[in-house]
Structures are given as C-alpha cells and as structure tokens.
Amino acid sequence: MENNLRKQDQFNEHSYDLHANWYNTLYPEKEQKIKVIKSLNSYKGSINHWLQELFFKCLEPFTKDKNAKWLTLGDAYGHDARYLLDQNIHNVTASDLDDSFLKVSHEQEFIKDFSAQNAESLTLEDNSVDYILCKESYHHFPRPYAALYEMIRVARKAIIIIEPQDPISKMPALLYLANLLGRINDRMINKIWKNRFSHETVGNFVYKVSEREFEKFAAGLNLPLIAIKKLNPNFWFPGSEHIKADRKEKVFRGILFRKKIRDFFSNWGVLPSQTLSIAVFKNMPNESLKKSLTKEGYRLVEIPKNPHIKNPSY
C-alpha cells in the first residue's frame, strides 16, 4: 500500500516537472520568450485571435465588475491575465507551475502581478480572490479534483473552468455501444471511441469535463449555483495566427461553415458541444449577474439545498 502511494506521488511530481519545464524547453532563451509575447500583440485579427475571443467572450458577465480580484491558473505567459487587464480590471494575478515565462511577461509590461502556483496545492488563503479562471489548463492536471477543491477554497465568488467536453454522457448511441462492447471485450470500445484515453505530448491525460460532473461537485459542497455555456471553438490549426479572420479568406469561410453546422447540432442536442465554460458559485449571484449570464448563453442550474443541514453556507 505504502509503495503504491509512493509511486503515485512520484508520478504526480514527475507530471509537475514535465509541465513546469515545458515552455522552458520550447523557448529556452529569454529572447525567444520575448518574441512569443510580442507575437501576442501582433496576432490580433487572425483566425487564432478570433478563436481565442470565442473563449474570452464567456467571461463578459464577470468582467463587468472592475473591482474584482482575479487569479488565472495555468497561464503560462499571461495571455489570460492580459485579456482581463484589457477589460480594465486592475487586480489580476497570472500564475503557472513555473513563473520563468511570467517574469519575462512582467518585464515586458504584458502583465502586472504573477505567481508560481500549483493548482492542486495553492499557497493562497481561503476566499482571498473573487474569481479564479482556469482556461484550457484543467485537462493537464494529474489530480484535477484536487485542483477543483483548491480553487473553490481560495475563490470568494466563483471559479470558471473552460475545457473540452467529455462526449459520452451526451451521446446515448456511443454510451450504448460502450456498454454493449464492454460486456464482450473492453478494448473493442477504443476502436469506436478513439479519444477515450488521449494524452498530450507534454505527458498528461486529457481530462475532459461534463455538466453532470460539476453538478455533483457543487451539490456535494452545498453550493448554490453553476452556470454552463456550450461553445464550439476548437478549429485551431498550426499557422492560424498568420491568416486573417476575414470572409475573403477561404480557410476562414470553411471554419465559419463548419462551426455553423456544429452549433446547429449542438443547440438541438444532436451532438455535444466541443467545449464547456462552467462557472461554480460559492454564493448565489445577484440578479444582475444572473441576467448577464443568461444573455451570454449560460444555462443556470440551481443546486437544491441540503435539507439535512440547518445552516447552509449560502
């Protein structure tokens, strides 16, 4: 038992090391890091920028509060923090496992505050920030649930997770085939469900999210509300930062066409959306924020109070 626990700890630490060193491996020299940061200022108007804006639009209901304190997690060079700063939110801290890149971003005045943070073991006090944003980073964590509990501990108002969606719970046919084939030979499922166990080059399993997963998370902690928005932004490809998001461009027209089809099927429940933006609230938000969330396309799910606890936390 102790040996197994030791091996698990070693795996976790190895995963942290791989991720902490990833961007230093890709961009070992300071000049290379500066080039990347400067490219972020010049890629506006490109397909890559347009795709990122689809993600960031999910934050509009939250960024109306200019006095809120934010923490971004897994924000390698401060791209997410920069977006928040551009919305005139001044109290934003960018964080990543390793802060080497963030130091350069700070020197280049791309971000303001930064910190080295392991999302699964944050060094911050309870309720010390208003919002925590974890955009396209959750799926890298070896212990994502540990990160969730840490985020909800540190956040005062809400945490926002933007991640690819696990399709299985939203595709009855796939679930039926998985159940059927599982009774015959579990490996047969993998031939149909190709990305059942997918891993990225840096060394992580791609931990996709589901609506039900977060409903249970909130209910278990007696939290009042989650907000879910479906989006289909996953049309990135190498070189997309060099092609304009202009209908005159054939490539961009193709992306718009495919997105329109995917949006149609997602809206009607035929196919799951590629990505979910999920906000988990520590306390019930005011009516103004709820209206903004609904207007932005979020579905609000009120979590019933635990009837066996007389003094709930909200």
C-alpha atoms as a PDB file:
ATOM      1  CA  MET A   1       0.000   0.000   0.000  1.00  0.00           C
ATOM      2  CA  GLU A   2       2.705   2.476   1.004  1.00  0.00           C
ATOM      3  CA  ASN A   3       4.729   1.502  -2.055  1.00  0.00           C
ATOM      4  CA  ASN A   4       1.742   2.231  -4.320  1.00  0.00           C
ATOM      5  CA  LEU A   5       1.223   5.610  -2.675  1.00  0.00           C
ATOM      6  CA  ARG A   6       4.892   6.414  -3.114  1.00  0.00           C
ATOM      7  CA  LYS A   7       4.682   5.534  -6.819  1.00  0.00           C
ATOM      8  CA  GLN A   8       1.621   7.757  -7.201  1.00  0.00           C
ATOM      9  CA  ASP A   9       3.407  10.661  -5.520  1.00  0.00           C
ATOM     10  CA  GLN A  10       6.367  10.118  -7.829  1.00  0.00           C
ATOM     11  CA  PHE A  11       4.077  10.184 -10.847  1.00  0.00           C
ATOM     12  CA  ASN A  12       2.436  13.415  -9.688  1.00  0.00           C
ATOM     13  CA  GLU A  13       5.810  15.059  -9.115  1.00  0.00           C
ATOM     14  CA  HIS A  14       7.064  13.858 -12.490  1.00  0.00           C
ATOM     15  CA  SER A  15       3.971  15.335 -14.143  1.00  0.00           C
ATOM     16  CA  TYR A  16       4.556  18.650 -12.375  1.00  0.00           C
ATOM     17  CA  ASP A  17       8.187  18.672 -13.506  1.00  0.00           C
ATOM     18  CA  LEU A  18       7.254  17.947 -17.116  1.00  0.00           C
ATOM     19  CA  HIS A  19       4.715  20.755 -17.198  1.00  0.00           C
ATOM     20  CA  ALA A  20       6.886  23.224 -15.298  1.00  0.00           C
ATOM     21  CA  ASN A  21       9.721  22.746 -17.782  1.00  0.00           C
ATOM     22  CA  TRP A  22       7.592  22.553 -20.918  1.00  0.00           C
ATOM     23  CA  TYR A  23       7.755  26.176 -22.039  1.00  0.00           C
ATOM     24  CA  ASN A  24      11.377  26.496 -20.992  1.00  0.00           C
ATOM     25  CA  THR A  25      12.087  23.529 -23.239  1.00  0.00           C
ATOM     26  CA  LEU A  26      10.211  25.116 -26.137  1.00  0.00           C
ATOM     27  CA  TYR A  27      11.635  28.600 -25.539  1.00  0.00           C
ATOM     28  CA  PRO A  28      14.845  28.215 -23.508  1.00  0.00           C
ATOM     29  CA  GLU A  29      16.231  31.685 -24.260  1.00  0.00           C
ATOM     30  CA  LYS A  30      14.828  34.925 -22.924  1.00  0.00           C
ATOM     31  CA  GLU A  31      14.828  36.409 -26.421  1.00  0.00           C
ATOM     32  CA  GLN A  32      12.583  33.573 -27.599  1.00  0.00           C
ATOM     33  CA  LYS A  33      10.125  34.269 -24.795  1.00  0.00           C
ATOM     34  CA  ILE A  34      10.069  37.961 -25.666  1.00  0.00           C
ATOM     35  CA  LYS A  35       9.344  37.082 -29.295  1.00  0.00           C
ATOM     36  CA  VAL A  36       6.342  34.991 -28.227  1.00  0.00           C
ATOM     37  CA  ILE A  37       4.996  37.813 -26.046  1.00  0.00           C
ATOM     38  CA  LYS A  38       5.385  40.346 -28.837  1.00  0.00           C
ATOM     39  CA  SER A  39       3.638  37.996 -31.258  1.00  0.00           C
ATOM     40  CA  LEU A  40       0.577  38.086 -28.980  1.00  0.00           C
ATOM     41  CA  ASN A  41       0.374  41.812 -29.581  1.00  0.00           C
ATOM     42  CA  SER A  42       0.534  41.338 -33.338  1.00  0.00           C
ATOM     43  CA  TYR A  43      -1.766  38.352 -33.905  1.00  0.00           C
ATOM     44  CA  LYS A  44      -4.956  40.385 -33.478  1.00  0.00           C
ATOM     45  CA  GLY A  45      -7.278  39.973 -36.414  1.00  0.00           C
ATOM     46  CA  SER A  46      -6.026  36.465 -37.153  1.00  0.00           C
ATOM     47  CA  ILE A  47      -8.010  33.228 -37.018  1.00  0.00           C
ATOM     48  CA  ASN A  48      -6.143  32.255 -33.865  1.00  0.00           C
ATOM     49  CA  HIS A  49      -7.145  35.535 -32.217  1.00  0.00           C
ATOM     50  CA  TRP A  50     -10.753  35.080 -33.340  1.00  0.00           C
ATOM     51  CA  LEU A  51     -10.828  31.595 -31.803  1.00  0.00           C
ATOM     52  CA  GLN A  52      -9.409  32.882 -28.513  1.00  0.00           C
ATOM     53  CA  GLU A  53     -12.042  35.613 -28.439  1.00  0.00           C
ATOM     54  CA  LEU A  54     -14.733  32.901 -28.520  1.00  0.00           C
ATOM     55  CA  PHE A  55     -13.317  31.633 -25.235  1.00  0.00           C
ATOM     56  CA  PHE A  56     -12.914  35.057 -23.694  1.00  0.00           C
ATOM     57  CA  LYS A  57     -16.437  36.149 -24.588  1.00  0.00           C
ATOM     58  CA  CYS A  58     -17.606  33.672 -21.939  1.00  0.00           C
ATOM     59  CA  LEU A  59     -16.101  35.996 -19.334  1.00  0.00           C
ATOM     60  CA  GLU A  60     -18.112  39.099 -20.262  1.00  0.00           C
ATOM     61  CA  PRO A  61     -20.720  38.726 -17.485  1.00  0.00           C
ATOM     62  CA  PHE A  62     -17.926  38.578 -14.903  1.00  0.00           C
ATOM     63  CA  THR A  63     -15.694  41.359 -16.225  1.00  0.00           C
ATOM     64  CA  LYS A  64     -18.348  43.999 -15.627  1.00  0.00           C
ATOM     65  CA  ASP A  65     -17.122  44.091 -12.038  1.00  0.00           C
ATOM     66  CA  LYS A  66     -13.961  46.147 -12.483  1.00  0.00           C
ATOM     67  CA  ASN A  67     -13.015  45.944  -8.815  1.00  0.00           C
ATOM     68  CA  ALA A  68     -12.933  42.156  -8.636  1.00  0.00           C
ATOM     69  CA  LYS A  69      -9.718  40.352  -7.777  1.00  0.00           C
ATOM     70  CA  TRP A  70      -8.747  37.616 -10.250  1.00  0.00           C
ATOM     71  CA  LEU A  71      -6.301  34.725 -10.359  1.00  0.00           C
ATOM     72  CA  THR A  72      -5.542  32.868 -13.583  1.00  0.00           C
ATOM     73  CA  LEU A  73      -4.231  29.290 -13.366  1.00  0.00           C
ATOM     74  CA  GLY A  74      -2.022  27.561 -15.906  1.00  0.00           C
ATOM     75  CA  ASP A  75      -1.491  30.916 -17.573  1.00  0.00           C
ATOM     76  CA  ALA A  76       1.963  30.136 -18.982  1.00  0.00           C
ATOM     77  CA  TYR A  77       2.892  33.582 -20.317  1.00  0.00           C
ATOM     78  CA  GLY A  78      -0.035  35.614 -19.013  1.00  0.00           C
ATOM     79  CA  HIS A  79      -2.305  35.576 -22.058  1.00  0.00           C
ATOM     80  CA  ASP A  80      -5.476  35.134 -19.969  1.00  0.00           C
ATOM     81  CA  ALA A  81      -4.402  37.757 -17.446  1.00  0.00           C
ATOM     82  CA  ARG A  82      -3.687  40.184 -20.288  1.00  0.00           C
ATOM     83  CA  TYR A  83      -7.252  39.822 -21.551  1.00  0.00           C
ATOM     84  CA  LEU A  84      -8.627  40.676 -18.105  1.00  0.00           C
ATOM     85  CA  LEU A  85      -6.309  43.671 -17.824  1.00  0.00           C
ATOM     86  CA  ASP A  86      -7.541  44.863 -21.215  1.00  0.00           C
ATOM     87  CA  GLN A  87     -11.066  44.873 -19.741  1.00  0.00           C
ATOM     88  CA  ASN A  88      -9.861  47.488 -17.223  1.00  0.00           C
ATOM     89  CA  ILE A  89      -9.683  45.010 -14.366  1.00  0.00           C
ATOM     90  CA  HIS A  90      -6.589  46.035 -12.448  1.00  0.00           C
ATOM     91  CA  ASN A  91      -6.273  43.364  -9.768  1.00  0.00           C
ATOM     92  CA  VAL A  92      -5.221  40.347 -11.815  1.00  0.00           C
ATOM     93  CA  THR A  93      -2.546  37.809 -10.914  1.00  0.00           C
ATOM     94  CA  ALA A  94      -1.284  35.393 -13.550  1.00  0.00           C
ATOM     95  CA  SER A  95       0.041  32.066 -12.297  1.00  0.00           C
ATOM     96  CA  ASP A  96       1.639  28.895 -13.584  1.00  0.00           C
ATOM     97  CA  LEU A  97       3.627  25.975 -12.177  1.00  0.00           C
ATOM     98  CA  ASP A  98       6.806  27.726 -13.252  1.00  0.00           C
ATOM     99  CA  ASP A  99       6.973  31.509 -13.381  1.00  0.00           C
ATOM    100  CA  SER A 100      10.009  31.870 -15.671  1.00  0.00           C
ATOM    101  CA  PHE A 101       7.897  32.955 -18.625  1.00  0.00           C
ATOM    102  CA  LEU A 102       5.668  35.133 -16.451  1.00  0.00           C
ATOM    103  CA  LYS A 103       8.733  37.012 -15.182  1.00  0.00           C
ATOM    104  CA  VAL A 104       9.612  37.941 -18.751  1.00  0.00           C
ATOM    105  CA  SER A 105       5.977  38.905 -19.443  1.00  0.00           C
ATOM    106  CA  HIS A 106       6.120  41.157 -16.406  1.00  0.00           C
ATOM    107  CA  GLU A 107       9.362  42.759 -17.574  1.00  0.00           C
ATOM    108  CA  GLN A 108       7.740  43.413 -20.944  1.00  0.00           C
ATOM    109  CA  GLU A 109       4.748  45.003 -19.150  1.00  0.00           C
ATOM    110  CA  PHE A 110       2.445  42.421 -20.676  1.00  0.00           C
ATOM    111  CA  ILE A 111       1.083  41.545 -17.215  1.00  0.00           C
ATOM    112  CA  LYS A 112       1.223  43.160 -13.772  1.00  0.00           C
ATOM    113  CA  ASP A 113       1.265  40.607 -10.956  1.00  0.00           C
ATOM    114  CA  PHE A 114       2.308  36.980 -11.223  1.00  0.00           C
ATOM    115  CA  SER A 115       2.943  33.976  -9.014  1.00  0.00           C
ATOM    116  CA  ALA A 116       4.214  30.411  -9.232  1.00  0.00           C
ATOM    117  CA  GLN A 117       1.296  28.193  -8.225  1.00  0.00           C
ATOM    118  CA  ASN A 118       0.464  24.509  -8.326  1.00  0.00           C
ATOM    119  CA  ALA A 119      -3.296  24.429  -8.916  1.00  0.00           C
ATOM    120  CA  GLU A 120      -3.573  21.277  -6.847  1.00  0.00           C
ATOM    121  CA  SER A 121      -1.917  22.923  -3.830  1.00  0.00           C
ATOM    122  CA  LEU A 122      -2.414  26.691  -3.875  1.00  0.00           C
ATOM    123  CA  THR A 123      -0.429  28.817  -1.449  1.00  0.00           C
ATOM    124  CA  LEU A 124      -3.257  31.352  -1.066  1.00  0.00           C
ATOM    125  CA  GLU A 125      -5.637  31.826   1.853  1.00  0.00           C
ATOM    126  CA  ASP A 126      -9.325  30.907   1.863  1.00  0.00           C
ATOM    127  CA  ASN A 127     -11.601  33.341  -0.003  1.00  0.00           C
ATOM    128  CA  SER A 128      -8.609  35.508  -0.926  1.00  0.00           C
ATOM    129  CA  VAL A 129      -9.612  36.252  -4.556  1.00  0.00           C
ATOM    130  CA  ASP A 130     -13.006  36.919  -6.110  1.00  0.00           C
ATOM    131  CA  TYR A 131     -12.691  34.850  -9.282  1.00  0.00           C
ATOM    132  CA  ILE A 132     -10.376  32.098 -10.447  1.00  0.00           C
ATOM    133  CA  LEU A 133     -10.071  31.448 -14.179  1.00  0.00           C
ATOM    134  CA  CYS A 134      -8.737  28.102 -15.360  1.00  0.00           C
ATOM    135  CA  LYS A 135      -8.852  28.209 -19.151  1.00  0.00           C
ATOM    136  CA  GLU A 136      -7.634  25.161 -21.116  1.00  0.00           C
ATOM    137  CA  SER A 137      -5.427  24.063 -18.222  1.00  0.00           C
ATOM    138  CA  TYR A 138      -7.643  21.787 -16.140  1.00  0.00           C
ATOM    139  CA  HIS A 139      -7.130  18.875 -18.521  1.00  0.00           C
ATOM    140  CA  HIS A 140      -3.378  18.958 -17.803  1.00  0.00           C
ATOM    141  CA  PHE A 141      -3.664  18.293 -14.068  1.00  0.00           C
ATOM    142  CA  PRO A 142      -2.789  14.800 -12.787  1.00  0.00           C
ATOM    143  CA  ARG A 143      -5.257  15.338  -9.901  1.00  0.00           C
ATOM    144  CA  PRO A 144      -7.916  17.667 -11.344  1.00  0.00           C
ATOM    145  CA  TYR A 145     -10.355  17.142  -8.481  1.00  0.00           C
ATOM    146  CA  ALA A 146      -7.712  18.255  -6.002  1.00  0.00           C
ATOM    147  CA  ALA A 147      -7.379  21.429  -8.092  1.00  0.00           C
ATOM    148  CA  LEU A 148     -11.147  21.958  -8.075  1.00  0.00           C
ATOM    149  CA  TYR A 149     -11.330  21.831  -4.286  1.00  0.00           C
ATOM    150  CA  GLU A 150      -8.347  24.149  -4.005  1.00  0.00           C
ATOM    151  CA  MET A 151      -9.918  26.642  -6.414  1.00  0.00           C
ATOM    152  CA  ILE A 152     -13.244  26.671  -4.590  1.00  0.00           C
ATOM    153  CA  ARG A 153     -11.395  27.111  -1.297  1.00  0.00           C
ATOM    154  CA  VAL A 154      -9.466  30.164  -2.485  1.00  0.00           C
ATOM    155  CA  ALA A 155     -12.225  31.839  -4.532  1.00  0.00           C
ATOM    156  CA  ARG A 156     -14.703  34.103  -2.779  1.00  0.00           C
ATOM    157  CA  LYS A 157     -17.311  34.407  -5.537  1.00  0.00           C
ATOM    158  CA  ALA A 158     -16.791  31.781  -8.259  1.00  0.00           C
ATOM    159  CA  ILE A 159     -14.433  29.635 -10.274  1.00  0.00           C
ATOM    160  CA  ILE A 160     -14.620  29.472 -14.072  1.00  0.00           C
ATOM    161  CA  ILE A 161     -13.414  26.390 -15.937  1.00  0.00           C
ATOM    162  CA  ILE A 162     -13.202  26.429 -19.758  1.00  0.00           C
ATOM    163  CA  GLU A 163     -12.413  22.981 -21.106  1.00  0.00           C
ATOM    164  CA  PRO A 164     -13.215  20.403 -23.811  1.00  0.00           C
ATOM    165  CA  GLN A 165     -16.363  18.422 -23.059  1.00  0.00           C
ATOM    166  CA  ASP A 166     -16.412  14.678 -22.430  1.00  0.00           C
ATOM    167  CA  PRO A 167     -18.911  13.496 -25.072  1.00  0.00           C
ATOM    168  CA  ILE A 168     -20.000  10.174 -23.575  1.00  0.00           C
ATOM    169  CA  SER A 169     -22.845  11.431 -21.345  1.00  0.00           C
ATOM    170  CA  LYS A 170     -24.310  13.493 -24.196  1.00  0.00           C
ATOM    171  CA  MET A 171     -24.188  10.791 -26.875  1.00  0.00           C
ATOM    172  CA  PRO A 172     -26.623   7.976 -25.987  1.00  0.00           C
ATOM    173  CA  ALA A 173     -25.617   5.904 -29.013  1.00  0.00           C
ATOM    174  CA  LEU A 174     -21.952   6.000 -28.017  1.00  0.00           C
ATOM    175  CA  LEU A 175     -22.845   5.182 -24.413  1.00  0.00           C
ATOM    176  CA  TYR A 176     -24.987   2.246 -25.541  1.00  0.00           C
ATOM    177  CA  LEU A 177     -22.190   0.872 -27.735  1.00  0.00           C
ATOM    178  CA  ALA A 178     -19.669   1.339 -24.932  1.00  0.00           C
ATOM    179  CA  ASN A 179     -21.908  -0.605 -22.538  1.00  0.00           C
ATOM    180  CA  LEU A 180     -22.551  -3.327 -25.097  1.00  0.00           C
ATOM    181  CA  LEU A 181     -18.959  -3.784 -26.201  1.00  0.00           C
ATOM    182  CA  GLY A 182     -17.766  -3.599 -22.622  1.00  0.00           C
ATOM    183  CA  ARG A 183     -19.610  -6.821 -21.922  1.00  0.00           C
ATOM    184  CA  ILE A 184     -17.730  -8.522 -24.745  1.00  0.00           C
ATOM    185  CA  ASN A 185     -14.246  -7.003 -24.707  1.00  0.00           C
ATOM    186  CA  ASP A 186     -13.430  -3.649 -23.149  1.00  0.00           C
ATOM    187  CA  ARG A 187     -10.717  -2.947 -25.734  1.00  0.00           C
ATOM    188  CA  MET A 188     -13.272  -3.007 -28.537  1.00  0.00           C
ATOM    189  CA  ILE A 189     -14.713   0.265 -27.210  1.00  0.00           C
ATOM    190  CA  ASN A 190     -11.471   2.059 -28.064  1.00  0.00           C
ATOM    191  CA  LYS A 191     -11.923   1.282 -31.771  1.00  0.00           C
ATOM    192  CA  ILE A 192     -15.124   3.346 -31.797  1.00  0.00           C
ATOM    193  CA  TRP A 193     -14.383   5.862 -29.081  1.00  0.00           C
ATOM    194  CA  LYS A 194     -10.996   6.920 -30.434  1.00  0.00           C
ATOM    195  CA  ASN A 195     -10.134   9.561 -27.834  1.00  0.00           C
ATOM    196  CA  ARG A 196     -11.319   7.617 -24.797  1.00  0.00           C
ATOM    197  CA  PHE A 197      -7.763   7.650 -23.481  1.00  0.00           C
ATOM    198  CA  SER A 198      -5.931  10.522 -25.143  1.00  0.00           C
ATOM    199  CA  HIS A 199      -2.653  12.031 -23.984  1.00  0.00           C
ATOM    200  CA  GLU A 200      -0.761  15.171 -24.958  1.00  0.00           C
ATOM    201  CA  THR A 201       2.916  15.461 -25.801  1.00  0.00           C
ATOM    202  CA  VAL A 202       3.764  17.141 -22.516  1.00  0.00           C
ATOM    203  CA  GLY A 203       2.696  13.966 -20.746  1.00  0.00           C
ATOM    204  CA  ASN A 204      -0.837  14.472 -19.449  1.00  0.00           C
ATOM    205  CA  PHE A 205      -4.045  12.561 -19.929  1.00  0.00           C
ATOM    206  CA  VAL A 206      -6.628  14.889 -21.496  1.00  0.00           C
ATOM    207  CA  TYR A 207      -9.142  15.156 -18.667  1.00  0.00           C
ATOM    208  CA  LYS A 208     -12.347  16.396 -20.320  1.00  0.00           C
ATOM    209  CA  VAL A 209     -15.271  17.750 -18.297  1.00  0.00           C
ATOM    210  CA  SER A 210     -19.024  17.159 -18.150  1.00  0.00           C
ATOM    211  CA  GLU A 211     -22.027  19.078 -16.869  1.00  0.00           C
ATOM    212  CA  ARG A 212     -23.030  16.278 -14.504  1.00  0.00           C
ATOM    213  CA  GLU A 213     -19.562  16.175 -13.006  1.00  0.00           C
ATOM    214  CA  PHE A 214     -19.869  19.788 -11.864  1.00  0.00           C
ATOM    215  CA  GLU A 215     -23.447  19.403 -10.672  1.00  0.00           C
ATOM    216  CA  LYS A 216     -22.250  16.684  -8.304  1.00  0.00           C
ATOM    217  CA  PHE A 217     -19.249  18.752  -7.259  1.00  0.00           C
ATOM    218  CA  ALA A 218     -21.467  21.703  -6.320  1.00  0.00           C
ATOM    219  CA  ALA A 219     -24.119  19.559  -4.627  1.00  0.00           C
ATOM    220  CA  GLY A 220     -21.504  17.764  -2.538  1.00  0.00           C
ATOM    221  CA  LEU A 221     -20.239  21.102  -1.184  1.00  0.00           C
ATOM    222  CA  ASN A 222     -23.747  22.535  -0.735  1.00  0.00           C
ATOM    223  CA  LEU A 223     -23.049  25.322  -3.241  1.00  0.00           C
ATOM    224  CA  PRO A 224     -26.000  27.205  -4.737  1.00  0.00           C
ATOM    225  CA  LEU A 225     -25.481  27.503  -8.485  1.00  0.00           C
ATOM    226  CA  ILE A 226     -23.495  26.507 -11.534  1.00  0.00           C
ATOM    227  CA  ALA A 227     -23.682  28.204 -14.923  1.00  0.00           C
ATOM    228  CA  ILE A 228     -22.932  26.298 -18.131  1.00  0.00           C
ATOM    229  CA  LYS A 229     -22.271  27.649 -21.596  1.00  0.00           C
ATOM    230  CA  LYS A 230     -21.729  25.481 -24.655  1.00  0.00           C
ATOM    231  CA  LEU A 231     -19.321  26.637 -27.338  1.00  0.00           C
ATOM    232  CA  ASN A 232     -17.590  25.257 -30.406  1.00  0.00           C
ATOM    233  CA  PRO A 233     -14.224  26.980 -30.821  1.00  0.00           C
ATOM    234  CA  ASN A 234     -11.913  24.037 -31.480  1.00  0.00           C
ATOM    235  CA  PHE A 235     -10.874  24.791 -35.041  1.00  0.00           C
ATOM    236  CA  TRP A 236      -7.285  25.768 -34.292  1.00  0.00           C
ATOM    237  CA  PHE A 237      -4.518  24.642 -36.612  1.00  0.00           C
ATOM    238  CA  PRO A 238      -0.775  25.455 -36.901  1.00  0.00           C
ATOM    239  CA  GLY A 239      -0.301  28.749 -38.707  1.00  0.00           C
ATOM    240  CA  SER A 240      -3.767  30.084 -37.827  1.00  0.00           C
ATOM    241  CA  GLU A 241      -2.113  33.131 -36.279  1.00  0.00           C
ATOM    242  CA  HIS A 242      -0.908  34.174 -39.741  1.00  0.00           C
ATOM    243  CA  ILE A 243      -4.261  34.005 -41.557  1.00  0.00           C
ATOM    244  CA  LYS A 244      -6.788  36.813 -41.208  1.00  0.00           C
ATOM    245  CA  ALA A 245     -10.221  36.111 -39.759  1.00  0.00           C
ATOM    246  CA  ASP A 246     -11.734  37.596 -42.888  1.00  0.00           C
ATOM    247  CA  ARG A 247     -14.510  36.144 -45.026  1.00  0.00           C
ATOM    248  CA  LYS A 248     -12.324  36.844 -48.040  1.00  0.00           C
ATOM    249  CA  GLU A 249     -10.066  34.053 -46.785  1.00  0.00           C
ATOM    250  CA  LYS A 250     -11.186  30.624 -47.986  1.00  0.00           C
ATOM    251  CA  VAL A 251      -9.847  28.910 -44.872  1.00  0.00           C
ATOM    252  CA  PHE A 252     -11.829  31.206 -42.582  1.00  0.00           C
ATOM    253  CA  ARG A 253     -15.015  30.724 -44.596  1.00  0.00           C
ATOM    254  CA  GLY A 254     -14.561  26.975 -44.173  1.00  0.00           C
ATOM    255  CA  ILE A 255     -14.197  27.351 -40.410  1.00  0.00           C
ATOM    256  CA  LEU A 256     -17.329  29.505 -40.207  1.00  0.00           C
ATOM    257  CA  PHE A 257     -19.275  26.933 -42.233  1.00  0.00           C
ATOM    258  CA  ARG A 258     -18.162  24.003 -40.041  1.00  0.00           C
ATOM    259  CA  LYS A 259     -18.826  25.997 -36.887  1.00  0.00           C
ATOM    260  CA  LYS A 260     -22.323  26.900 -38.063  1.00  0.00           C
ATOM    261  CA  ILE A 261     -23.129  23.231 -38.628  1.00  0.00           C
ATOM    262  CA  ARG A 262     -21.659  22.201 -35.270  1.00  0.00           C
ATOM    263  CA  ASP A 263     -23.523  24.991 -33.468  1.00  0.00           C
ATOM    264  CA  PHE A 264     -26.801  23.888 -35.065  1.00  0.00           C
ATOM    265  CA  PHE A 265     -26.431  20.269 -33.972  1.00  0.00           C
ATOM    266  CA  SER A 266     -25.193  21.283 -30.514  1.00  0.00           C
ATOM    267  CA  ASN A 267     -28.109  23.657 -29.945  1.00  0.00           C
ATOM    268  CA  TRP A 268     -30.581  20.914 -30.833  1.00  0.00           C
ATOM    269  CA  GLY A 269     -28.831  18.324 -28.699  1.00  0.00           C
ATOM    270  CA  VAL A 270     -27.831  16.080 -31.599  1.00  0.00           C
ATOM    271  CA  LEU A 271     -24.115  16.447 -30.843  1.00  0.00           C
ATOM    272  CA  PRO A 272     -22.388  17.671 -27.688  1.00  0.00           C
ATOM    273  CA  SER A 273     -20.568  20.964 -27.904  1.00  0.00           C
ATOM    274  CA  GLN A 274     -16.804  20.760 -28.208  1.00  0.00           C
ATOM    275  CA  THR A 275     -16.176  22.897 -25.141  1.00  0.00           C
ATOM    276  CA  LEU A 276     -17.915  23.974 -21.942  1.00  0.00           C
ATOM    277  CA  SER A 277     -17.485  27.124 -19.917  1.00  0.00           C
ATOM    278  CA  ILE A 278     -18.606  26.255 -16.389  1.00  0.00           C
ATOM    279  CA  ALA A 279     -18.860  28.693 -13.502  1.00  0.00           C
ATOM    280  CA  VAL A 280     -19.293  27.329  -9.987  1.00  0.00           C
ATOM    281  CA  PHE A 281     -20.550  29.908  -7.488  1.00  0.00           C
ATOM    282  CA  LYS A 282     -19.685  30.000  -3.797  1.00  0.00           C
ATOM    283  CA  ASN A 283     -22.759  32.164  -3.072  1.00  0.00           C
ATOM    284  CA  MET A 284     -25.864  32.926  -5.077  1.00  0.00           C
ATOM    285  CA  PRO A 285     -25.018  35.742  -7.529  1.00  0.00           C
ATOM    286  CA  ASN A 286     -27.204  38.828  -7.706  1.00  0.00           C
ATOM    287  CA  GLU A 287     -29.976  39.170 -10.279  1.00  0.00           C
ATOM    288  CA  SER A 288     -27.932  41.474 -12.491  1.00  0.00           C
ATOM    289  CA  LEU A 289     -25.164  38.892 -12.900  1.00  0.00           C
ATOM    290  CA  LYS A 290     -27.673  36.099 -13.472  1.00  0.00           C
ATOM    291  CA  LYS A 291     -29.324  38.120 -16.237  1.00  0.00           C
ATOM    292  CA  SER A 292     -25.932  38.804 -17.825  1.00  0.00           C
ATOM    293  CA  LEU A 293     -25.069  35.102 -17.717  1.00  0.00           C
ATOM    294  CA  THR A 294     -28.367  34.142 -19.349  1.00  0.00           C
ATOM    295  CA  LYS A 295     -27.899  36.809 -22.026  1.00  0.00           C
ATOM    296  CA  GLU A 296     -24.416  35.452 -22.761  1.00  0.00           C
ATOM    297  CA  GLY A 297     -25.843  31.977 -23.354  1.00  0.00           C
ATOM    298  CA  TYR A 298     -25.258  30.330 -19.995  1.00  0.00           C
ATOM    299  CA  ARG A 299     -27.766  27.855 -18.597  1.00  0.00           C
ATOM    300  CA  LEU A 300     -28.222  28.376 -14.877  1.00  0.00           C
ATOM    301  CA  VAL A 301     -28.557  25.272 -12.731  1.00  0.00           C
ATOM    302  CA  GLU A 302     -29.704  25.922  -9.178  1.00  0.00           C
ATOM    303  CA  ILE A 303     -28.490  23.245  -6.804  1.00  0.00           C
ATOM    304  CA  PRO A 304     -31.095  22.244  -4.168  1.00  0.00           C
ATOM    305  CA  LYS A 305     -30.083  22.980  -0.614  1.00  0.00           C
ATOM    306  CA  ASN A 306     -29.093  20.024   1.500  1.00  0.00           C
ATOM    307  CA  PRO A 307     -32.241  19.503   3.620  1.00  0.00           C
ATOM    308  CA  HIS A 308     -30.273  17.865   6.423  1.00  0.00           C
ATOM    309  CA  ILE A 309     -28.033  20.871   7.086  1.00  0.00           C
ATOM    310  CA  LYS A 310     -29.811  23.629   9.016  1.00  0.00           C
ATOM    311  CA  ASN A 311     -27.302  26.392   8.299  1.00  0.00           C
ATOM    312  CA  PRO A 312     -26.120  26.085   4.686  1.00  0.00           C
ATOM    313  CA  SER A 313     -23.148  28.112   3.557  1.00  0.00           C
ATOM    314  CA  TYR A 314     -25.159  30.372   1.267  1.00  0.00           C
END
